[in-house]
Protein backbone atom coordinates (compact mmCIF):
# COMPACT_ATOMS: atom_id res chain seq x y z
CA MET A 1 -75.94 -20.46 9.39
CA PHE A 2 -73.99 -20.30 12.70
CA VAL A 3 -71.91 -23.40 11.30
CA LEU A 4 -70.96 -21.42 8.23
CA SER A 5 -70.18 -18.23 10.46
CA ASN A 6 -68.00 -20.32 12.85
CA PHE A 7 -66.21 -21.91 9.76
CA LEU A 8 -65.44 -18.53 8.30
CA ALA A 9 -64.19 -17.13 11.65
CA ALA A 10 -61.83 -20.12 11.98
CA LEU A 11 -60.69 -19.94 8.52
CA ALA A 12 -59.87 -16.10 9.09
CA SER A 13 -57.93 -17.18 12.18
CA VAL A 14 -55.96 -19.93 10.18
CA VAL A 15 -55.26 -17.66 7.30
CA ASP A 16 -53.94 -14.93 9.66
CA VAL A 17 -51.61 -17.17 11.47
CA ALA A 18 -50.34 -18.77 8.32
CA LEU A 19 -49.81 -15.63 6.63
CA THR A 20 -48.10 -14.35 9.66
CA LEU A 21 -45.81 -17.51 9.80
CA TYR A 22 -44.92 -17.34 5.99
CA MET A 23 -43.87 -13.68 6.62
CA TRP A 24 -41.35 -14.49 9.18
CA VAL A 25 -40.10 -17.46 7.26
CA LEU A 26 -39.42 -14.90 4.38
CA ILE A 27 -37.74 -12.62 6.64
CA VAL A 28 -35.32 -15.28 8.16
CA ALA A 29 -34.71 -16.46 4.67
CA ALA A 30 -33.81 -13.00 3.58
CA LEU A 31 -31.57 -12.51 6.51
CA VAL A 32 -29.84 -15.83 6.17
CA SER A 33 -29.05 -15.27 2.43
CA TRP A 34 -26.84 -12.31 3.48
CA VAL A 35 -24.43 -14.48 5.46
CA ASN A 36 -23.54 -17.12 2.71
CA PRO A 37 -25.04 -20.19 4.43
CA ASP A 38 -24.24 -23.83 4.18
CA PRO A 39 -26.61 -24.94 1.37
CA TYR A 40 -26.71 -28.42 3.11
CA ASN A 41 -27.79 -27.29 6.28
CA PRO A 42 -31.41 -28.63 6.84
CA VAL A 43 -32.67 -25.25 8.08
CA VAL A 44 -31.20 -23.44 5.07
CA ARG A 45 -32.98 -26.09 2.78
CA PHE A 46 -36.19 -25.77 4.45
CA LEU A 47 -36.06 -21.96 3.97
CA TYR A 48 -34.96 -22.17 0.34
CA GLY A 49 -37.56 -24.78 -0.37
CA ALA A 50 -40.48 -22.81 1.48
CA THR A 51 -39.83 -19.36 -0.10
CA GLU A 52 -38.03 -19.84 -3.51
CA PRO A 53 -40.99 -21.26 -5.48
CA LEU A 54 -43.02 -17.89 -4.73
CA LEU A 55 -39.99 -15.63 -4.84
CA ALA A 56 -38.99 -16.93 -8.30
CA ARG A 57 -42.22 -16.11 -9.60
CA VAL A 58 -42.17 -12.51 -8.33
CA ARG A 59 -38.60 -12.37 -9.80
CA ARG A 60 -39.69 -13.46 -13.24
CA ALA A 61 -42.86 -11.22 -13.30
CA LEU A 62 -41.29 -7.99 -11.95
CA ARG A 63 -37.53 -8.05 -12.26
CA LEU A 64 -36.72 -6.44 -9.04
CA GLN A 65 -33.11 -6.63 -8.85
CA PHE A 66 -31.35 -3.07 -8.27
CA GLY A 67 -27.33 -3.22 -7.88
CA GLY A 68 -27.42 -6.86 -6.96
CA VAL A 69 -30.18 -6.26 -4.24
CA ASP A 70 -33.18 -8.62 -4.86
CA LEU A 71 -36.24 -6.77 -3.76
CA SER A 72 -38.68 -9.69 -4.37
CA PRO A 73 -38.93 -10.70 -0.56
CA MET A 74 -40.12 -7.02 0.11
CA VAL A 75 -42.89 -7.24 -2.66
CA VAL A 76 -44.10 -10.70 -1.14
CA ILE A 77 -44.04 -9.28 2.30
CA LEU A 78 -46.17 -6.23 1.25
CA ALA A 79 -48.64 -8.64 -0.47
CA ILE A 80 -48.83 -10.50 2.80
CA ILE A 81 -49.59 -7.39 4.66
CA PHE A 82 -52.23 -6.36 2.29
CA LEU A 83 -53.83 -9.80 2.58
CA ARG A 84 -53.79 -9.59 6.28
CA SER A 85 -55.18 -6.26 6.17
CA PHE A 86 -57.91 -6.91 3.65
CA LEU A 87 -58.61 -10.77 3.46
CA VAL A 88 -58.69 -11.64 7.15
CA PRO A 89 -60.99 -8.73 8.39
CA THR A 90 -63.45 -9.37 5.24
CA LEU A 91 -63.87 -13.12 6.44
CA GLN A 92 -64.39 -12.08 10.11
CA GLN A 93 -66.87 -9.40 9.14
CA LEU A 94 -68.73 -11.95 6.94
CA ALA A 95 -68.65 -14.58 9.52
CA LEU A 96 -70.26 -11.96 11.91
CA GLN A 97 -72.91 -11.08 9.35
CA LEU A 98 -73.88 -14.64 9.14
CA ARG A 99 -74.77 -15.15 12.85
């Protein structure tokens, strides 16, 4: 069972890092969108490609635009914070119980 325990602990760490990185990508993409960036810039294209599929789903599901301000990045960031607060500790505690 120690193998499964170590796997779950490693999975919790990877999920935590991935969620943190994606949250920062979302923040940078939201900040860049305020300054009318060059759409052919590779960094802008990466940010758009990495965030737009998820943000488009949230926009369609919730319709969160107030006065031209899109609040979908905030909803996704709150979901990431929830997952980091719930999923990661749950995986870590499960890994500890399996030892």
